[in-house]
C-alpha atoms as a PDB file:
ATOM      1  CA  UNK A   1      18.089  -6.711  -6.980  1.00  0.00           C
ATOM      2  CA  UNK A   2      14.424  -7.244  -7.747  1.00  0.00           C
ATOM      3  CA  UNK A   3      14.039  -3.955  -9.635  1.00  0.00           C
ATOM      4  CA  UNK A   4      16.731  -4.953 -12.130  1.00  0.00           C
ATOM      5  CA  UNK A   5      15.177  -8.372 -12.702  1.00  0.00           C
ATOM      6  CA  UNK A   6      11.736  -6.813 -13.108  1.00  0.00           C
ATOM      7  CA  UNK A   7      13.011  -4.292 -15.658  1.00  0.00           C
ATOM      8  CA  UNK A   8      14.738  -7.064 -17.601  1.00  0.00           C
ATOM      9  CA  UNK A   9      11.705  -9.411 -17.555  1.00  0.00           C
ATOM     10  CA  UNK A  10       9.188  -6.706 -18.427  1.00  0.00           C
ATOM     11  CA  UNK A  11      11.396  -5.368 -21.222  1.00  0.00           C
ATOM     12  CA  UNK A  12      11.666  -8.881 -22.702  1.00  0.00           C
ATOM     13  CA  UNK A  13       7.929  -9.387 -22.267  1.00  0.00           C
ATOM     14  CA  UNK A  14       7.280  -6.220 -24.263  1.00  0.00           C
ATOM     15  CA  UNK A  15       9.775  -7.302 -26.918  1.00  0.00           C
ATOM     16  CA  UNK A  16      11.924  -4.217 -26.392  1.00  0.00           C
ATOM     17  CA  UNK A  17      15.686  -4.056 -26.767  1.00  0.00           C
ATOM     18  CA  UNK A  18      17.702  -2.083 -24.249  1.00  0.00           C
ATOM     19  CA  UNK A  19      18.189   0.573 -26.928  1.00  0.00           C
ATOM     20  CA  UNK A  20      14.445   0.926 -27.668  1.00  0.00           C
ATOM     21  CA  UNK A  21      13.591   1.176 -23.979  1.00  0.00           C
ATOM     22  CA  UNK A  22      16.415   3.686 -23.473  1.00  0.00           C
ATOM     23  CA  UNK A  23      14.995   5.851 -26.284  1.00  0.00           C
ATOM     24  CA  UNK A  24      11.538   5.824 -24.695  1.00  0.00           C
ATOM     25  CA  UNK A  25      12.808   7.189 -21.387  1.00  0.00           C
ATOM     26  CA  UNK A  26      15.655   9.381 -22.668  1.00  0.00           C
ATOM     27  CA  UNK A  27      18.627   7.468 -21.220  1.00  0.00           C
ATOM     28  CA  UNK A  28      21.452   5.463 -22.769  1.00  0.00           C
ATOM     29  CA  UNK A  29      21.448   1.743 -23.443  1.00  0.00           C
ATOM     30  CA  UNK A  30      24.234   1.387 -20.880  1.00  0.00           C
ATOM     31  CA  UNK A  31      21.994   2.981 -18.231  1.00  0.00           C
ATOM     32  CA  UNK A  32      19.335   0.339 -18.887  1.00  0.00           C
ATOM     33  CA  UNK A  33      22.014  -2.352 -18.655  1.00  0.00           C
ATOM     34  CA  UNK A  34      23.246  -0.959 -15.332  1.00  0.00           C
ATOM     35  CA  UNK A  35      19.700  -0.913 -13.948  1.00  0.00           C
ATOM     36  CA  UNK A  36      19.085  -4.509 -15.026  1.00  0.00           C
ATOM     37  CA  UNK A  37      22.376  -5.631 -13.445  1.00  0.00           C
ATOM     38  CA  UNK A  38      21.538  -3.786 -10.238  1.00  0.00           C
ATOM     39  CA  UNK A  39      24.637  -1.610 -10.449  1.00  0.00           C
ATOM     40  CA  UNK A  40      22.601   1.587 -10.410  1.00  0.00           C
ATOM     41  CA  UNK A  41      18.934   2.467  -9.960  1.00  0.00           C
ATOM     42  CA  UNK A  42      16.671   4.927 -11.752  1.00  0.00           C
ATOM     43  CA  UNK A  43      15.909   8.231 -10.085  1.00  0.00           C
ATOM     44  CA  UNK A  44      12.249   9.027  -9.318  1.00  0.00           C
ATOM     45  CA  UNK A  45      11.638  10.825 -12.639  1.00  0.00           C
ATOM     46  CA  UNK A  46      13.180   7.955 -14.585  1.00  0.00           C
ATOM     47  CA  UNK A  47      11.175   5.456 -12.558  1.00  0.00           C
ATOM     48  CA  UNK A  48       7.965   7.230 -13.568  1.00  0.00           C
ATOM     49  CA  UNK A  49       8.954   7.150 -17.255  1.00  0.00           C
ATOM     50  CA  UNK A  50      10.001   3.506 -16.932  1.00  0.00           C
ATOM     51  CA  UNK A  51       6.669   2.692 -15.335  1.00  0.00           C
ATOM     52  CA  UNK A  52       4.818   4.272 -18.251  1.00  0.00           C
ATOM     53  CA  UNK A  53       7.036   2.652 -20.896  1.00  0.00           C
ATOM     54  CA  UNK A  54       6.570  -0.828 -19.398  1.00  0.00           C
ATOM     55  CA  UNK A  55       2.920  -0.235 -18.505  1.00  0.00           C
ATOM     56  CA  UNK A  56       3.417  -1.267 -14.874  1.00  0.00           C
ATOM     57  CA  UNK A  57       2.957   0.613 -11.630  1.00  0.00           C
ATOM     58  CA  UNK A  58       6.031   1.731  -9.754  1.00  0.00           C
ATOM     59  CA  UNK A  59       5.086  -0.633  -6.931  1.00  0.00           C
ATOM     60  CA  UNK A  60       5.054  -3.540  -9.376  1.00  0.00           C
ATOM     61  CA  UNK A  61       8.406  -2.479 -10.814  1.00  0.00           C
ATOM     62  CA  UNK A  62      10.182  -2.323  -7.476  1.00  0.00           C
ATOM     63  CA  UNK A  63       8.420  -5.447  -6.156  1.00  0.00           C
ATOM     64  CA  UNK A  64       6.480  -3.660  -3.451  1.00  0.00           C
ATOM     65  CA  UNK A  65       3.490  -5.794  -2.551  1.00  0.00           C
ATOM     66  CA  UNK A  66       0.938  -3.814  -0.614  1.00  0.00           C
ATOM     67  CA  UNK A  67      -1.937  -5.664   0.979  1.00  0.00           C
ATOM     68  CA  UNK A  68      -5.208  -4.202  -0.246  1.00  0.00           C
ATOM     69  CA  UNK A  69      -7.112  -2.332   2.441  1.00  0.00           C
ATOM     70  CA  UNK A  70      -9.857  -4.276   4.156  1.00  0.00           C
ATOM     71  CA  UNK A  71     -13.018  -3.475   2.300  1.00  0.00           C
ATOM     72  CA  UNK A  72     -16.110  -2.150   3.982  1.00  0.00           C
ATOM     73  CA  UNK A  73     -18.112  -4.325   1.590  1.00  0.00           C
ATOM     74  CA  UNK A  74     -16.829  -7.484   3.304  1.00  0.00           C
ATOM     75  CA  UNK A  75     -17.780  -6.108   6.734  1.00  0.00           C
ATOM     76  CA  UNK A  76     -21.263  -5.304   5.435  1.00  0.00           C
ATOM     77  CA  UNK A  77     -21.692  -8.803   4.003  1.00  0.00           C
ATOM     78  CA  UNK A  78     -20.805 -10.333   7.400  1.00  0.00           C
ATOM     79  CA  UNK A  79     -23.321  -8.040   9.085  1.00  0.00           C
ATOM     80  CA  UNK A  80     -25.960  -8.997   6.493  1.00  0.00           C
ATOM     81  CA  UNK A  81     -25.192 -12.664   7.106  1.00  0.00           C
ATOM     82  CA  UNK A  82     -25.967 -12.187  10.802  1.00  0.00           C
ATOM     83  CA  UNK A  83     -29.310 -10.664   9.836  1.00  0.00           C
ATOM     84  CA  UNK A  84     -30.064 -13.689   7.657  1.00  0.00           C
ATOM     85  CA  UNK A  85     -29.357 -16.054  10.565  1.00  0.00           C
ATOM     86  CA  UNK A  86     -31.463 -14.004  12.962  1.00  0.00           C
ATOM     87  CA  UNK A  87     -34.280 -13.683  10.430  1.00  0.00           C
ATOM     88  CA  UNK A  88     -34.386 -17.391   9.676  1.00  0.00           C
ATOM     89  CA  UNK A  89     -34.244 -18.257  13.387  1.00  0.00           C
ATOM     90  CA  UNK A  90     -37.154 -15.921  14.139  1.00  0.00           C
ATOM     91  CA  UNK A  91     -39.124 -17.138  11.126  1.00  0.00           C
ATOM     92  CA  UNK A  92     -38.707 -20.830  11.906  1.00  0.00           C
ATOM     93  CA  UNK A  93     -39.262 -20.267  15.636  1.00  0.00           C
ATOM     94  CA  UNK A  94     -42.449 -18.324  14.885  1.00  0.00           C
ATOM     95  CA  UNK A  95     -43.750 -21.005  12.549  1.00  0.00           C
ATOM     96  CA  UNK A  96     -43.007 -23.685  15.159  1.00  0.00           C
ATOM     97  CA  UNK A  97     -44.651 -21.565  17.871  1.00  0.00           C
ATOM     98  CA  UNK A  98     -47.797 -20.935  15.819  1.00  0.00           C
ATOM     99  CA  UNK A  99     -48.027 -24.608  14.923  1.00  0.00           C
ATOM    100  CA  UNK A 100     -47.562 -25.758  18.545  1.00  0.00           C
ATOM    101  CA  UNK A 101     -50.086 -23.194  19.818  1.00  0.00           C
ATOM    102  CA  UNK A 102     -52.707 -24.033  17.177  1.00  0.00           C
ATOM    103  CA  UNK A 103     -52.275 -27.778  17.739  1.00  0.00           C
ATOM    104  CA  UNK A 104     -53.768 -27.175  21.206  1.00  0.00           C
ATOM    105  CA  UNK A 105     -52.214 -30.297  22.654  1.00  0.00           C
ATOM    106  CA  UNK A 106     -48.902 -29.089  24.118  1.00  0.00           C
ATOM    107  CA  UNK A 107     -48.113 -27.711  27.555  1.00  0.00           C
ATOM    108  CA  UNK A 108     -46.405 -24.308  27.789  1.00  0.00           C
ATOM    109  CA  UNK A 109     -42.946 -25.765  28.479  1.00  0.00           C
ATOM    110  CA  UNK A 110     -43.306 -28.082  25.481  1.00  0.00           C
ATOM    111  CA  UNK A 111     -44.298 -25.134  23.301  1.00  0.00           C
ATOM    112  CA  UNK A 112     -41.178 -23.226  24.384  1.00  0.00           C
ATOM    113  CA  UNK A 113     -39.059 -26.257  23.550  1.00  0.00           C
ATOM    114  CA  UNK A 114     -40.673 -26.521  20.103  1.00  0.00           C
ATOM    115  CA  UNK A 115     -40.051 -22.804  19.486  1.00  0.00           C
ATOM    116  CA  UNK A 116     -36.405 -23.232  20.536  1.00  0.00           C
ATOM    117  CA  UNK A 117     -35.968 -26.209  18.215  1.00  0.00           C
ATOM    118  CA  UNK A 118     -37.575 -24.173  15.417  1.00  0.00           C
ATOM    119  CA  UNK A 119     -35.062 -21.393  15.995  1.00  0.00           C
ATOM    120  CA  UNK A 120     -32.156 -23.868  15.895  1.00  0.00           C
ATOM    121  CA  UNK A 121     -33.514 -25.244  12.630  1.00  0.00           C
ATOM    122  CA  UNK A 122     -33.625 -21.667  11.292  1.00  0.00           C
ATOM    123  CA  UNK A 123     -29.960 -21.097  12.154  1.00  0.00           C
ATOM    124  CA  UNK A 124     -29.076 -24.432  10.498  1.00  0.00           C
ATOM    125  CA  UNK A 125     -30.925 -23.295   7.372  1.00  0.00           C
ATOM    126  CA  UNK A 126     -28.840 -20.120   7.465  1.00  0.00           C
ATOM    127  CA  UNK A 127     -25.628 -22.171   7.537  1.00  0.00           C
ATOM    128  CA  UNK A 128     -26.835 -24.280   4.611  1.00  0.00           C
ATOM    129  CA  UNK A 129     -27.789 -21.152   2.632  1.00  0.00           C
ATOM    130  CA  UNK A 130     -24.399 -19.562   3.351  1.00  0.00           C
ATOM    131  CA  UNK A 131     -22.517 -22.627   2.133  1.00  0.00           C
ATOM    132  CA  UNK A 132     -24.662 -22.949  -0.992  1.00  0.00           C
ATOM    133  CA  UNK A 133     -24.039 -19.285  -1.821  1.00  0.00           C
ATOM    134  CA  UNK A 134     -20.282 -19.690  -1.167  1.00  0.00           C
ATOM    135  CA  UNK A 135     -20.220 -22.756  -3.447  1.00  0.00           C
ATOM    136  CA  UNK A 136     -22.038 -20.877  -6.203  1.00  0.00           C
ATOM    137  CA  UNK A 137     -19.687 -17.893  -5.882  1.00  0.00           C
ATOM    138  CA  UNK A 138     -16.511 -20.015  -5.917  1.00  0.00           C
ATOM    139  CA  UNK A 139     -17.601 -22.108  -8.901  1.00  0.00           C
ATOM    140  CA  UNK A 140     -19.129 -19.262 -10.948  1.00  0.00           C
ATOM    141  CA  UNK A 141     -22.436 -21.034 -11.404  1.00  0.00           C
END
C-alpha cells in the first residue's frame, strides 16, 4: 500500500522513530507499525494529524496525484502570441507597401505581392521571436 510506504519514508526522512511519531499524533507505536505495513489505515482525523506531523499534504501522503488545473495565464499568453504575429505581419507588410509605393516603379499587382511577402516575413519574425523567448525562458538567461 502506497500510504504505508509513504508514512515509512517520510518518517525516516524526518528522523522520527515510530514512537516519536506516535506521540505527535496520539496513537501507539504499534498503530504506526500497522499503518506502515498496510494492515490498517489512519482515520480522517489521524490522517490530518499525520499530515501536519510529516509536513505533507494528505494528497501527497496517500499518493494522490492531481493534475493542476489549466491556467488562464497560459491561455492569455497564447492569445498574446497571436497578437504579436498579427502585429509583426501588419508592420512588415505596411513597411513593404510604403516602400513599394514610394519607389514608384512597381505595378499594382507587384505591390500587392511585395506587401504579401512583407507580411510573411513579419510572421517569420514572430516565429523567431517566440523561439528566442522560449530559449531564454528554458535556460534562465
